[in-house]
Amino acid sequence: MIDEHQDLRFDWSVLPAVTSSLPGTAGKTRTCIEDFVVTEIPNFHPTGAGLHAYAFVEKQGLTTHDVVSALRDRGVGFNDVGFAGQKDKQAVTRQWFSVPERFAAELESLDEVEGVRVLETSRHVTKLATGHLKSNRFEITVREPVPEWQSRAEAVIAELESGGLPNYFGPQRFGRFNSNVIDALRLLRGERVPGGRGLHRFFMSALQSHLFNWNLKRRIELGHYAEIVSGDRAQKHDTGGMFVVDDAGLETLRSQRLEISAVLPLYGRKVRGNGADAGAIEQETLDHFSLTRADLRGVARGNWRISRVLVSDIALTPVDDGYLVSFTLPSGSYATCLLRELLKFDLW
């Protein structure tokens, strides 16, 4: 049976890998929760003094909001809890939480919650907030790879280190039933869609992410992955500074040295996309989904997202039945993108 909404669902098979010429290691991930470990690297560390209590928490089998709920059960208001990012449920994750100092005891009592350990406590002058996250450190065990896994993994890693990792949004962005984009388009058509305003924002965010993935896919297919084209905006990898490109040829040389990368639109009120050749590529995506830039003005405020990210501190360690790969990615990037390049499996 043909799925009439196929192109509206997340599907790794339509998003090209940049190491497709290299064989993968195969193997299994997440055979147990301990096989997937994520540790936040914040923009700052608490100073030890201030009106906000901080706790560095390790949790297993729990989402970030499960921890927030545990604090609410202890009398802490939802708006009083600070955290920098959302973390997976099916993983061992370590992240900071903050509460006003008067709730310090409640924060430390998270040790009593099953699946939670408080590793460190401190104080700071300000509340922890979304965006206070620099990067994430991943430690992922791959079980039962092919016998020649090491040489294959090393070749893939070398190419990613020299050319960058595609900054696709991973499948987690598109909902449990992979239907968030479909619901977003229904909302744009004025149809009634179950869920409140908050859920509808998730649907619109998924639509932004889907269009980004397709724009990146098209640039890779056209051979522009490491290139800057006319009309582009670009971002510096070292400082995060973004600028409008004047000379695409000159900036392509910097892009090929992985100093900068093109940024692509997350459409919204403030972001309508690029112009010239970059805009023409983006228009292909909009035409494919029968959308106009005007249709997307009300989706959200809009933003820009870099097309490639740097993979840092990557290492391979053999284990009894496979290998451990550890690496650091900037906040907002998905470990599944790297695993997909390594294993050559379409990971959900």
C-alpha atoms as a PDB file:
ATOM      1  CA  MET A   1       0.000   0.000   0.000  1.00  0.00           C
ATOM      2  CA  ILE A   2       1.414   3.385  -1.019  1.00  0.00           C
ATOM      3  CA  ASP A   3       1.658   5.990   1.747  1.00  0.00           C
ATOM      4  CA  GLU A   4       0.333   9.234   0.262  1.00  0.00           C
ATOM      5  CA  HIS A   5       2.159  11.121   3.016  1.00  0.00           C
ATOM      6  CA  GLN A   6       5.512   9.368   2.534  1.00  0.00           C
ATOM      7  CA  ASP A   7       7.496  12.539   1.811  1.00  0.00           C
ATOM      8  CA  LEU A   8       5.975  14.182   4.890  1.00  0.00           C
ATOM      9  CA  ARG A   9       7.448  11.597   7.240  1.00  0.00           C
ATOM     10  CA  PHE A  10      11.018  11.410   8.471  1.00  0.00           C
ATOM     11  CA  ASP A  11      12.895   8.773   6.470  1.00  0.00           C
ATOM     12  CA  TRP A  12      16.660   8.271   6.626  1.00  0.00           C
ATOM     13  CA  SER A  13      16.604   6.552   3.234  1.00  0.00           C
ATOM     14  CA  VAL A  14      15.864   9.834   1.429  1.00  0.00           C
ATOM     15  CA  LEU A  15      18.509  11.836   3.314  1.00  0.00           C
ATOM     16  CA  PRO A  16      21.927  11.169   1.753  1.00  0.00           C
ATOM     17  CA  ALA A  17      24.884  10.286   3.944  1.00  0.00           C
ATOM     18  CA  VAL A  18      28.113  12.141   3.154  1.00  0.00           C
ATOM     19  CA  THR A  19      30.212   9.005   3.627  1.00  0.00           C
ATOM     20  CA  SER A  20      28.041   6.841   1.367  1.00  0.00           C
ATOM     21  CA  SER A  21      31.106   5.681  -0.592  1.00  0.00           C
ATOM     22  CA  LEU A  22      32.515   4.066   2.562  1.00  0.00           C
ATOM     23  CA  PRO A  23      31.199   0.800   4.062  1.00  0.00           C
ATOM     24  CA  GLY A  24      29.732   0.904   7.551  1.00  0.00           C
ATOM     25  CA  THR A  25      30.458  -1.177  10.612  1.00  0.00           C
ATOM     26  CA  ALA A  26      26.881  -2.452  11.002  1.00  0.00           C
ATOM     27  CA  GLY A  27      25.994  -3.467  14.560  1.00  0.00           C
ATOM     28  CA  LYS A  28      23.320  -2.849  17.189  1.00  0.00           C
ATOM     29  CA  THR A  29      22.824   0.195  19.392  1.00  0.00           C
ATOM     30  CA  ARG A  30      20.777   0.690  22.568  1.00  0.00           C
ATOM     31  CA  THR A  31      20.701  -3.021  23.420  1.00  0.00           C
ATOM     32  CA  CYS A  32      20.466  -1.724  26.989  1.00  0.00           C
ATOM     33  CA  ILE A  33      20.105   1.717  28.524  1.00  0.00           C
ATOM     34  CA  GLU A  34      23.766   1.774  29.601  1.00  0.00           C
ATOM     35  CA  ASP A  35      24.855   1.551  25.951  1.00  0.00           C
ATOM     36  CA  PHE A  36      23.858   5.181  25.326  1.00  0.00           C
ATOM     37  CA  VAL A  37      25.366   7.790  27.664  1.00  0.00           C
ATOM     38  CA  VAL A  38      24.985  11.560  27.230  1.00  0.00           C
ATOM     39  CA  THR A  39      26.666  14.225  29.363  1.00  0.00           C
ATOM     40  CA  GLU A  40      25.874  17.915  29.045  1.00  0.00           C
ATOM     41  CA  ILE A  41      28.703  20.408  28.641  1.00  0.00           C
ATOM     42  CA  PRO A  42      27.189  23.722  29.773  1.00  0.00           C
ATOM     43  CA  ASN A  43      28.128  27.229  28.701  1.00  0.00           C
ATOM     44  CA  PHE A  44      29.174  27.909  32.275  1.00  0.00           C
ATOM     45  CA  HIS A  45      29.646  26.108  35.569  1.00  0.00           C
ATOM     46  CA  PRO A  46      28.011  27.295  38.786  1.00  0.00           C
ATOM     47  CA  THR A  47      30.282  29.512  40.865  1.00  0.00           C
ATOM     48  CA  GLY A  48      29.290  28.055  44.230  1.00  0.00           C
ATOM     49  CA  ALA A  49      27.523  31.208  45.409  1.00  0.00           C
ATOM     50  CA  GLY A  50      24.197  32.807  44.565  1.00  0.00           C
ATOM     51  CA  LEU A  51      20.430  32.631  45.008  1.00  0.00           C
ATOM     52  CA  HIS A  52      19.909  29.547  42.841  1.00  0.00           C
ATOM     53  CA  ALA A  53      20.625  25.954  43.873  1.00  0.00           C
ATOM     54  CA  TYR A  54      22.135  23.701  41.203  1.00  0.00           C
ATOM     55  CA  ALA A  55      22.343  19.906  40.966  1.00  0.00           C
ATOM     56  CA  PHE A  56      24.172  17.775  38.413  1.00  0.00           C
ATOM     57  CA  VAL A  57      21.869  14.797  37.983  1.00  0.00           C
ATOM     58  CA  GLU A  58      22.336  11.382  36.388  1.00  0.00           C
ATOM     59  CA  LYS A  59      19.146   9.656  35.316  1.00  0.00           C
ATOM     60  CA  GLN A  60      18.204   6.402  33.589  1.00  0.00           C
ATOM     61  CA  GLY A  61      14.955   5.651  31.799  1.00  0.00           C
ATOM     62  CA  LEU A  62      13.591   9.120  32.543  1.00  0.00           C
ATOM     63  CA  THR A  63      13.036  12.216  30.450  1.00  0.00           C
ATOM     64  CA  THR A  64      14.042  15.685  31.550  1.00  0.00           C
ATOM     65  CA  HIS A  65      10.381  16.456  32.206  1.00  0.00           C
ATOM     66  CA  ASP A  66      10.110  13.368  34.433  1.00  0.00           C
ATOM     67  CA  VAL A  67      12.663  15.021  36.714  1.00  0.00           C
ATOM     68  CA  VAL A  68      10.774  18.313  36.537  1.00  0.00           C
ATOM     69  CA  SER A  69       7.602  16.437  37.509  1.00  0.00           C
ATOM     70  CA  ALA A  70       9.402  14.864  40.476  1.00  0.00           C
ATOM     71  CA  LEU A  71      10.327  18.365  41.643  1.00  0.00           C
ATOM     72  CA  ARG A  72       6.763  19.569  41.171  1.00  0.00           C
ATOM     73  CA  ASP A  73       5.591  16.674  43.351  1.00  0.00           C
ATOM     74  CA  ARG A  74       7.893  18.123  46.015  1.00  0.00           C
ATOM     75  CA  GLY A  75       6.262  21.542  45.797  1.00  0.00           C
ATOM     76  CA  VAL A  76       8.594  23.244  43.317  1.00  0.00           C
ATOM     77  CA  GLY A  77       6.746  25.333  40.739  1.00  0.00           C
ATOM     78  CA  PHE A  78       7.191  24.438  37.081  1.00  0.00           C
ATOM     79  CA  ASN A  79       8.579  27.894  36.250  1.00  0.00           C
ATOM     80  CA  ASP A  80      11.044  27.646  39.136  1.00  0.00           C
ATOM     81  CA  VAL A  81      12.916  24.715  37.560  1.00  0.00           C
ATOM     82  CA  GLY A  82      15.733  25.527  35.178  1.00  0.00           C
ATOM     83  CA  PHE A  83      17.494  23.212  32.713  1.00  0.00           C
ATOM     84  CA  ALA A  84      19.520  23.768  29.567  1.00  0.00           C
ATOM     85  CA  GLY A  85      18.256  21.018  27.271  1.00  0.00           C
ATOM     86  CA  GLN A  86      16.016  17.986  26.817  1.00  0.00           C
ATOM     87  CA  LYS A  87      17.541  14.550  27.236  1.00  0.00           C
ATOM     88  CA  ASP A  88      16.560  11.083  25.977  1.00  0.00           C
ATOM     89  CA  LYS A  89      14.576   8.634  28.072  1.00  0.00           C
ATOM     90  CA  GLN A  90      16.240   5.458  26.807  1.00  0.00           C
ATOM     91  CA  ALA A  91      19.723   6.466  27.906  1.00  0.00           C
ATOM     92  CA  VAL A  92      21.943   7.318  30.834  1.00  0.00           C
ATOM     93  CA  THR A  93      21.954  11.107  30.818  1.00  0.00           C
ATOM     94  CA  ARG A  94      23.721  13.666  32.990  1.00  0.00           C
ATOM     95  CA  GLN A  95      22.521  17.248  33.161  1.00  0.00           C
ATOM     96  CA  TRP A  96      22.251  20.264  35.436  1.00  0.00           C
ATOM     97  CA  PHE A  97      19.017  21.481  37.040  1.00  0.00           C
ATOM     98  CA  SER A  98      18.467  24.676  39.026  1.00  0.00           C
ATOM     99  CA  VAL A  99      15.821  25.903  41.462  1.00  0.00           C
ATOM    100  CA  PRO A 100      15.574  28.964  43.717  1.00  0.00           C
ATOM    101  CA  GLU A 101      17.699  28.516  46.819  1.00  0.00           C
ATOM    102  CA  ARG A 102      14.638  27.995  49.046  1.00  0.00           C
ATOM    103  CA  PHE A 103      14.029  24.693  47.204  1.00  0.00           C
ATOM    104  CA  ALA A 104      17.603  23.403  47.625  1.00  0.00           C
ATOM    105  CA  ALA A 105      16.489  20.533  49.890  1.00  0.00           C
ATOM    106  CA  GLU A 106      13.856  19.432  47.369  1.00  0.00           C
ATOM    107  CA  LEU A 107      16.471  19.454  44.613  1.00  0.00           C
ATOM    108  CA  GLU A 108      18.869  17.330  46.652  1.00  0.00           C
ATOM    109  CA  SER A 109      16.017  14.923  47.481  1.00  0.00           C
ATOM    110  CA  LEU A 110      15.982  13.812  43.833  1.00  0.00           C
ATOM    111  CA  ASP A 111      18.372  11.117  45.066  1.00  0.00           C
ATOM    112  CA  GLU A 112      15.269   9.393  46.423  1.00  0.00           C
ATOM    113  CA  VAL A 113      13.690   9.084  42.950  1.00  0.00           C
ATOM    114  CA  GLU A 114      14.173   5.709  41.287  1.00  0.00           C
ATOM    115  CA  GLY A 115      16.581   6.036  38.360  1.00  0.00           C
ATOM    116  CA  VAL A 116      18.047   9.335  39.577  1.00  0.00           C
ATOM    117  CA  ARG A 117      21.385  10.130  41.249  1.00  0.00           C
ATOM    118  CA  VAL A 118      22.504  13.573  42.344  1.00  0.00           C
ATOM    119  CA  LEU A 119      26.209  13.709  41.440  1.00  0.00           C
ATOM    120  CA  GLU A 120      27.037  17.254  42.498  1.00  0.00           C
ATOM    121  CA  THR A 121      25.381  20.307  44.032  1.00  0.00           C
ATOM    122  CA  SER A 122      26.317  23.966  43.894  1.00  0.00           C
ATOM    123  CA  ARG A 123      24.957  27.529  43.781  1.00  0.00           C
ATOM    124  CA  HIS A 124      24.892  30.226  41.120  1.00  0.00           C
ATOM    125  CA  VAL A 125      23.701  33.797  40.649  1.00  0.00           C
ATOM    126  CA  THR A 126      21.222  33.086  37.845  1.00  0.00           C
ATOM    127  CA  LYS A 127      18.668  30.453  36.903  1.00  0.00           C
ATOM    128  CA  LEU A 128      19.681  27.802  34.372  1.00  0.00           C
ATOM    129  CA  ALA A 129      17.797  28.285  31.099  1.00  0.00           C
ATOM    130  CA  THR A 130      17.369  26.832  27.628  1.00  0.00           C
ATOM    131  CA  GLY A 131      20.358  27.887  25.553  1.00  0.00           C
ATOM    132  CA  HIS A 132      22.876  27.595  28.388  1.00  0.00           C
ATOM    133  CA  LEU A 133      24.203  24.461  26.717  1.00  0.00           C
ATOM    134  CA  LYS A 134      27.447  24.422  24.762  1.00  0.00           C
ATOM    135  CA  SER A 135      27.577  20.803  23.629  1.00  0.00           C
ATOM    136  CA  ASN A 136      26.883  17.185  24.551  1.00  0.00           C
ATOM    137  CA  ARG A 137      29.368  14.377  25.110  1.00  0.00           C
ATOM    138  CA  PHE A 138      28.186  10.979  23.858  1.00  0.00           C
ATOM    139  CA  GLU A 139      29.469   7.511  24.776  1.00  0.00           C
ATOM    140  CA  ILE A 140      27.696   4.915  22.651  1.00  0.00           C
ATOM    141  CA  THR A 141      28.332   1.185  22.536  1.00  0.00           C
ATOM    142  CA  VAL A 142      27.858  -0.615  19.216  1.00  0.00           C
ATOM    143  CA  ARG A 143      27.320  -4.359  19.634  1.00  0.00           C
ATOM    144  CA  GLU A 144      28.031  -7.090  17.075  1.00  0.00           C
ATOM    145  CA  PRO A 145      29.640  -5.036  14.292  1.00  0.00           C
ATOM    146  CA  VAL A 146      31.393  -6.665  11.345  1.00  0.00           C
ATOM    147  CA  PRO A 147      34.862  -8.117  12.130  1.00  0.00           C
ATOM    148  CA  GLU A 148      36.612  -5.305  10.230  1.00  0.00           C
ATOM    149  CA  TRP A 149      34.694  -2.620  12.132  1.00  0.00           C
ATOM    150  CA  GLN A 150      37.767  -0.680  13.248  1.00  0.00           C
ATOM    151  CA  SER A 151      39.224   0.085   9.824  1.00  0.00           C
ATOM    152  CA  ARG A 152      35.762   0.975   8.521  1.00  0.00           C
ATOM    153  CA  ALA A 153      34.973   3.232  11.471  1.00  0.00           C
ATOM    154  CA  GLU A 154      38.336   4.981  11.246  1.00  0.00           C
ATOM    155  CA  ALA A 155      37.793   5.743   7.543  1.00  0.00           C
ATOM    156  CA  VAL A 156      34.327   7.216   8.188  1.00  0.00           C
ATOM    157  CA  ILE A 157      35.591   9.261  11.119  1.00  0.00           C
ATOM    158  CA  ALA A 158      38.482  10.666   9.093  1.00  0.00           C
ATOM    159  CA  GLU A 159      36.069  11.877   6.419  1.00  0.00           C
ATOM    160  CA  LEU A 160      33.705  13.426   8.959  1.00  0.00           C
ATOM    161  CA  GLU A 161      36.563  15.167  10.751  1.00  0.00           C
ATOM    162  CA  SER A 162      37.759  16.731   7.499  1.00  0.00           C
ATOM    163  CA  GLY A 163      34.345  17.489   5.975  1.00  0.00           C
ATOM    164  CA  GLY A 164      31.945  17.896   8.884  1.00  0.00           C
ATOM    165  CA  LEU A 165      28.766  16.060   9.866  1.00  0.00           C
ATOM    166  CA  PRO A 166      25.438  16.875   8.171  1.00  0.00           C
ATOM    167  CA  ASN A 167      23.356  18.727  10.736  1.00  0.00           C
ATOM    168  CA  TYR A 168      20.109  16.897   9.955  1.00  0.00           C
ATOM    169  CA  PHE A 169      17.333  16.910  12.500  1.00  0.00           C
ATOM    170  CA  GLY A 170      16.990  13.338  13.765  1.00  0.00           C
ATOM    171  CA  PRO A 171      13.812  11.241  13.975  1.00  0.00           C
ATOM    172  CA  GLN A 172      13.116  12.342  17.558  1.00  0.00           C
ATOM    173  CA  ARG A 173      11.979  15.693  16.147  1.00  0.00           C
ATOM    174  CA  PHE A 174       9.028  14.273  14.242  1.00  0.00           C
ATOM    175  CA  GLY A 175       6.865  12.672  16.891  1.00  0.00           C
ATOM    176  CA  ARG A 176       6.127   9.222  18.182  1.00  0.00           C
ATOM    177  CA  PHE A 177       3.985   8.390  15.143  1.00  0.00           C
ATOM    178  CA  ASN A 178       6.135  10.346  12.651  1.00  0.00           C
ATOM    179  CA  SER A 179       3.116  12.466  11.763  1.00  0.00           C
ATOM    180  CA  ASN A 180       3.946  15.902  13.160  1.00  0.00           C
ATOM    181  CA  VAL A 181       4.632  17.392   9.719  1.00  0.00           C
ATOM    182  CA  ILE A 182       1.311  16.095   8.409  1.00  0.00           C
ATOM    183  CA  ASP A 183      -0.484  17.737  11.330  1.00  0.00           C
ATOM    184  CA  ALA A 184       1.427  20.999  10.762  1.00  0.00           C
ATOM    185  CA  LEU A 185       0.240  21.170   7.154  1.00  0.00           C
ATOM    186  CA  ARG A 186      -3.312  20.483   8.283  1.00  0.00           C
ATOM    187  CA  LEU A 187      -3.030  23.450  10.635  1.00  0.00           C
ATOM    188  CA  LEU A 188      -1.761  25.642   7.782  1.00  0.00           C
ATOM    189  CA  ARG A 189      -4.838  24.639   5.783  1.00  0.00           C
ATOM    190  CA  GLY A 190      -7.057  25.765   8.649  1.00  0.00           C
ATOM    191  CA  GLU A 191      -8.147  22.275   9.676  1.00  0.00           C
ATOM    192  CA  ARG A 192      -8.876  21.327  13.274  1.00  0.00           C
ATOM    193  CA  VAL A 193      -6.042  19.292  14.769  1.00  0.00           C
ATOM    194  CA  PRO A 194      -6.220  17.715  18.250  1.00  0.00           C
ATOM    195  CA  GLY A 195      -3.980  19.161  20.939  1.00  0.00           C
ATOM    196  CA  GLY A 196      -3.519  22.576  22.439  1.00  0.00           C
ATOM    197  CA  ARG A 197      -1.336  25.496  21.439  1.00  0.00           C
ATOM    198  CA  GLY A 198       1.797  23.921  22.904  1.00  0.00           C
ATOM    199  CA  LEU A 199       1.397  20.735  20.865  1.00  0.00           C
ATOM    200  CA  HIS A 200       0.649  22.752  17.754  1.00  0.00           C
ATOM    201  CA  ARG A 201       3.970  24.571  18.226  1.00  0.00           C
ATOM    202  CA  PHE A 202       5.699  21.166  18.189  1.00  0.00           C
ATOM    203  CA  PHE A 203       3.976  20.362  14.902  1.00  0.00           C
ATOM    204  CA  MET A 204       5.154  23.634  13.354  1.00  0.00           C
ATOM    205  CA  SER A 205       8.673  23.064  14.651  1.00  0.00           C
ATOM    206  CA  ALA A 206       8.648  19.669  12.950  1.00  0.00           C
ATOM    207  CA  LEU A 207       7.643  21.313   9.664  1.00  0.00           C
ATOM    208  CA  GLN A 208      10.543  23.784   9.956  1.00  0.00           C
ATOM    209  CA  SER A 209      12.899  20.862  10.650  1.00  0.00           C
ATOM    210  CA  HIS A 210      11.567  18.776   7.764  1.00  0.00           C
ATOM    211  CA  LEU A 211      12.060  21.578   5.254  1.00  0.00           C
ATOM    212  CA  PHE A 212      15.577  22.149   6.616  1.00  0.00           C
ATOM    213  CA  ASN A 213      16.403  18.447   6.129  1.00  0.00           C
ATOM    214  CA  TRP A 214      15.138  18.529   2.559  1.00  0.00           C
ATOM    215  CA  ASN A 215      17.093  21.694   1.747  1.00  0.00           C
ATOM    216  CA  LEU A 216      20.256  20.084   3.132  1.00  0.00           C
ATOM    217  CA  LYS A 217      19.499  16.875   1.245  1.00  0.00           C
ATOM    218  CA  ARG A 218      19.215  18.819  -2.002  1.00  0.00           C
ATOM    219  CA  ARG A 219      22.487  20.676  -1.460  1.00  0.00           C
ATOM    220  CA  ILE A 220      24.291  17.373  -0.880  1.00  0.00           C
ATOM    221  CA  GLU A 221      22.736  15.906  -4.033  1.00  0.00           C
ATOM    222  CA  LEU A 222      23.854  18.955  -6.050  1.00  0.00           C
ATOM    223  CA  GLY A 223      27.409  18.744  -4.727  1.00  0.00           C
ATOM    224  CA  HIS A 224      27.131  21.886  -2.583  1.00  0.00           C
ATOM    225  CA  TYR A 225      27.659  20.244   0.809  1.00  0.00           C
ATOM    226  CA  ALA A 226      31.093  21.824   1.341  1.00  0.00           C
ATOM    227  CA  GLU A 227      30.434  24.801  -0.918  1.00  0.00           C
ATOM    228  CA  ILE A 228      29.009  28.292  -0.575  1.00  0.00           C
ATOM    229  CA  VAL A 229      26.710  29.439  -3.383  1.00  0.00           C
ATOM    230  CA  SER A 230      25.449  32.880  -4.323  1.00  0.00           C
ATOM    231  CA  GLY A 231      22.765  34.178  -1.994  1.00  0.00           C
ATOM    232  CA  ASP A 232      24.009  32.126   0.943  1.00  0.00           C
ATOM    233  CA  ARG A 233      24.433  33.097   4.533  1.00  0.00           C
ATOM    234  CA  ALA A 234      27.312  31.414   6.343  1.00  0.00           C
ATOM    235  CA  GLN A 235      28.386  30.872   9.925  1.00  0.00           C
ATOM    236  CA  LYS A 236      31.844  30.701  11.480  1.00  0.00           C
ATOM    237  CA  HIS A 237      32.469  27.447  13.337  1.00  0.00           C
ATOM    238  CA  ASP A 238      34.822  28.987  15.895  1.00  0.00           C
ATOM    239  CA  THR A 239      32.791  32.031  16.998  1.00  0.00           C
ATOM    240  CA  GLY A 240      29.271  31.310  15.727  1.00  0.00           C
ATOM    241  CA  GLY A 241      29.189  34.618  13.861  1.00  0.00           C
ATOM    242  CA  MET A 242      26.811  34.639  10.875  1.00  0.00           C
ATOM    243  CA  PHE A 243      27.138  36.812   7.782  1.00  0.00           C
ATOM    244  CA  VAL A 244      25.693  37.336   4.300  1.00  0.00           C
ATOM    245  CA  VAL A 245      28.082  36.051   1.639  1.00  0.00           C
ATOM    246  CA  ASP A 246      29.452  38.569  -0.868  1.00  0.00           C
ATOM    247  CA  ASP A 247      31.904  36.361  -2.790  1.00  0.00           C
ATOM    248  CA  ALA A 248      30.736  32.723  -2.996  1.00  0.00           C
ATOM    249  CA  GLY A 249      33.975  31.521  -4.596  1.00  0.00           C
ATOM    250  CA  LEU A 250      36.170  33.041  -1.908  1.00  0.00           C
ATOM    251  CA  GLU A 251      33.970  31.776   0.906  1.00  0.00           C
ATOM    252  CA  THR A 252      33.859  28.289  -0.623  1.00  0.00           C
ATOM    253  CA  LEU A 253      37.613  28.048   0.011  1.00  0.00           C
ATOM    254  CA  ARG A 254      36.976  28.788   3.695  1.00  0.00           C
ATOM    255  CA  SER A 255      34.110  26.302   3.737  1.00  0.00           C
ATOM    256  CA  GLN A 256      36.303  23.580   2.268  1.00  0.00           C
ATOM    257  CA  ARG A 257      38.749  24.211   5.123  1.00  0.00           C
ATOM    258  CA  LEU A 258      35.805  23.754   7.509  1.00  0.00           C
ATOM    259  CA  GLU A 259      36.159  27.281   8.855  1.00  0.00           C
ATOM    260  CA  ILE A 260      32.582  28.172   7.899  1.00  0.00           C
ATOM    261  CA  SER A 261      29.437  26.441   6.651  1.00  0.00           C
ATOM    262  CA  ALA A 262      26.274  27.592   4.926  1.00  0.00           C
ATOM    263  CA  VAL A 263      23.244  28.195   7.125  1.00  0.00           C
ATOM    264  CA  LEU A 264      19.773  27.174   6.011  1.00  0.00           C
ATOM    265  CA  PRO A 265      16.404  28.624   7.007  1.00  0.00           C
ATOM    266  CA  LEU A 266      13.999  27.517   9.670  1.00  0.00           C
ATOM    267  CA  TYR A 267      11.157  29.455   8.094  1.00  0.00           C
ATOM    268  CA  GLY A 268       9.026  31.891  10.059  1.00  0.00           C
ATOM    269  CA  ARG A 269       8.035  35.517  10.539  1.00  0.00           C
ATOM    270  CA  LYS A 270      11.633  36.770  10.638  1.00  0.00           C
ATOM    271  CA  VAL A 271      13.192  34.258   8.255  1.00  0.00           C
ATOM    272  CA  ARG A 272      12.022  33.913   4.678  1.00  0.00           C
ATOM    273  CA  GLY A 273      15.088  32.166   3.265  1.00  0.00           C
ATOM    274  CA  ASN A 274      18.065  32.970   1.064  1.00  0.00           C
ATOM    275  CA  GLY A 275      18.191  34.519  -2.400  1.00  0.00           C
ATOM    276  CA  ALA A 276      19.955  33.904  -5.715  1.00  0.00           C
ATOM    277  CA  ASP A 277      21.221  30.319  -6.241  1.00  0.00           C
ATOM    278  CA  ALA A 278      20.720  29.360  -2.585  1.00  0.00           C
ATOM    279  CA  GLY A 279      17.152  30.630  -2.756  1.00  0.00           C
ATOM    280  CA  ALA A 280      16.516  28.652  -5.937  1.00  0.00           C
ATOM    281  CA  ILE A 281      17.480  25.426  -4.157  1.00  0.00           C
ATOM    282  CA  GLU A 282      15.173  26.300  -1.279  1.00  0.00           C
ATOM    283  CA  GLN A 283      12.362  27.090  -3.714  1.00  0.00           C
ATOM    284  CA  GLU A 284      12.646  23.551  -5.131  1.00  0.00           C
ATOM    285  CA  THR A 285      11.867  22.202  -1.667  1.00  0.00           C
ATOM    286  CA  LEU A 286       8.918  24.544  -1.173  1.00  0.00           C
ATOM    287  CA  ASP A 287       7.547  23.632  -4.613  1.00  0.00           C
ATOM    288  CA  HIS A 288       7.879  19.931  -3.796  1.00  0.00           C
ATOM    289  CA  PHE A 289       5.602  20.408  -0.787  1.00  0.00           C
ATOM    290  CA  SER A 290       3.299  22.916  -2.546  1.00  0.00           C
ATOM    291  CA  LEU A 291       4.248  25.656  -0.095  1.00  0.00           C
ATOM    292  CA  THR A 292       5.145  29.310  -0.478  1.00  0.00           C
ATOM    293  CA  ARG A 293       7.293  31.444   1.778  1.00  0.00           C
ATOM    294  CA  ALA A 294       4.167  33.431   2.620  1.00  0.00           C
ATOM    295  CA  ASP A 295       2.522  30.219   3.886  1.00  0.00           C
ATOM    296  CA  LEU A 296       5.292  29.867   6.456  1.00  0.00           C
ATOM    297  CA  ARG A 297       5.232  33.355   7.959  1.00  0.00           C
ATOM    298  CA  GLY A 298       2.950  32.245  10.766  1.00  0.00           C
ATOM    299  CA  VAL A 299       4.764  28.991  11.575  1.00  0.00           C
ATOM    300  CA  ALA A 300       7.057  30.565  14.199  1.00  0.00           C
ATOM    301  CA  ARG A 301       9.478  33.448  14.587  1.00  0.00           C
ATOM    302  CA  GLY A 302      12.035  31.622  12.432  1.00  0.00           C
ATOM    303  CA  ASN A 303      15.757  31.082  12.736  1.00  0.00           C
ATOM    304  CA  TRP A 304      18.855  29.897  10.869  1.00  0.00           C
ATOM    305  CA  ARG A 305      20.635  26.567  11.382  1.00  0.00           C
ATOM    306  CA  ILE A 306      24.118  25.649  10.264  1.00  0.00           C
ATOM    307  CA  SER A 307      24.273  22.903   7.643  1.00  0.00           C
ATOM    308  CA  ARG A 308      27.350  21.092   9.032  1.00  0.00           C
ATOM    309  CA  VAL A 309      28.789  20.646  12.499  1.00  0.00           C
ATOM    310  CA  LEU A 310      32.227  19.742  13.775  1.00  0.00           C
ATOM    311  CA  VAL A 311      32.694  16.410  15.519  1.00  0.00           C
ATOM    312  CA  SER A 312      35.273  16.778  18.275  1.00  0.00           C
ATOM    313  CA  ASP A 313      37.151  14.507  20.662  1.00  0.00           C
ATOM    314  CA  ILE A 314      36.046  11.385  18.814  1.00  0.00           C
ATOM    315  CA  ALA A 315      37.531   8.077  19.967  1.00  0.00           C
ATOM    316  CA  LEU A 316      37.014   4.354  19.397  1.00  0.00           C
ATOM    317  CA  THR A 317      37.476   1.787  22.144  1.00  0.00           C
ATOM    318  CA  PRO A 318      37.081  -1.979  21.604  1.00  0.00           C
ATOM    319  CA  VAL A 319      34.735  -3.827  23.980  1.00  0.00           C
ATOM    320  CA  ASP A 320      34.026  -7.555  24.289  1.00  0.00           C
ATOM    321  CA  ASP A 321      31.313  -7.714  21.620  1.00  0.00           C
ATOM    322  CA  GLY A 322      31.857  -4.507  19.687  1.00  0.00           C
ATOM    323  CA  TYR A 323      33.152  -1.023  20.252  1.00  0.00           C
ATOM    324  CA  LEU A 324      32.507   2.180  22.163  1.00  0.00           C
ATOM    325  CA  VAL A 325      32.457   5.400  20.166  1.00  0.00           C
ATOM    326  CA  SER A 326      32.712   8.633  22.132  1.00  0.00           C
ATOM    327  CA  PHE A 327      32.418  12.122  20.661  1.00  0.00           C
ATOM    328  CA  THR A 328      31.203  15.655  21.312  1.00  0.00           C
ATOM    329  CA  LEU A 329      28.618  17.538  19.245  1.00  0.00           C
ATOM    330  CA  PRO A 330      27.337  21.107  19.536  1.00  0.00           C
ATOM    331  CA  SER A 331      23.984  21.533  21.278  1.00  0.00           C
ATOM    332  CA  GLY A 332      21.025  20.914  18.986  1.00  0.00           C
ATOM    333  CA  SER A 333      22.843  18.296  16.900  1.00  0.00           C
ATOM    334  CA  TYR A 334      21.862  14.627  16.850  1.00  0.00           C
ATOM    335  CA  ALA A 335      24.092  11.664  17.684  1.00  0.00           C
ATOM    336  CA  THR A 336      21.958   9.496  15.402  1.00  0.00           C
ATOM    337  CA  CYS A 337      23.354  11.451  12.438  1.00  0.00           C
ATOM    338  CA  LEU A 338      26.866  10.285  13.283  1.00  0.00           C
ATOM    339  CA  LEU A 339      25.776   6.731  14.086  1.00  0.00           C
ATOM    340  CA  ARG A 340      23.998   6.506  10.754  1.00  0.00           C
ATOM    341  CA  GLU A 341      27.232   7.468   8.936  1.00  0.00           C
ATOM    342  CA  LEU A 342      29.205   4.917  10.994  1.00  0.00           C
ATOM    343  CA  LEU A 343      26.864   1.937  10.810  1.00  0.00           C
ATOM    344  CA  LYS A 344      25.179   2.649   7.465  1.00  0.00           C
ATOM    345  CA  PHE A 345      21.887   1.591   9.019  1.00  0.00           C
ATOM    346  CA  ASP A 346      18.768   3.768   9.044  1.00  0.00           C
ATOM    347  CA  LEU A 347      18.445   4.315  12.783  1.00  0.00           C
ATOM    348  CA  TRP A 348      15.100   5.217  14.314  1.00  0.00           C
END
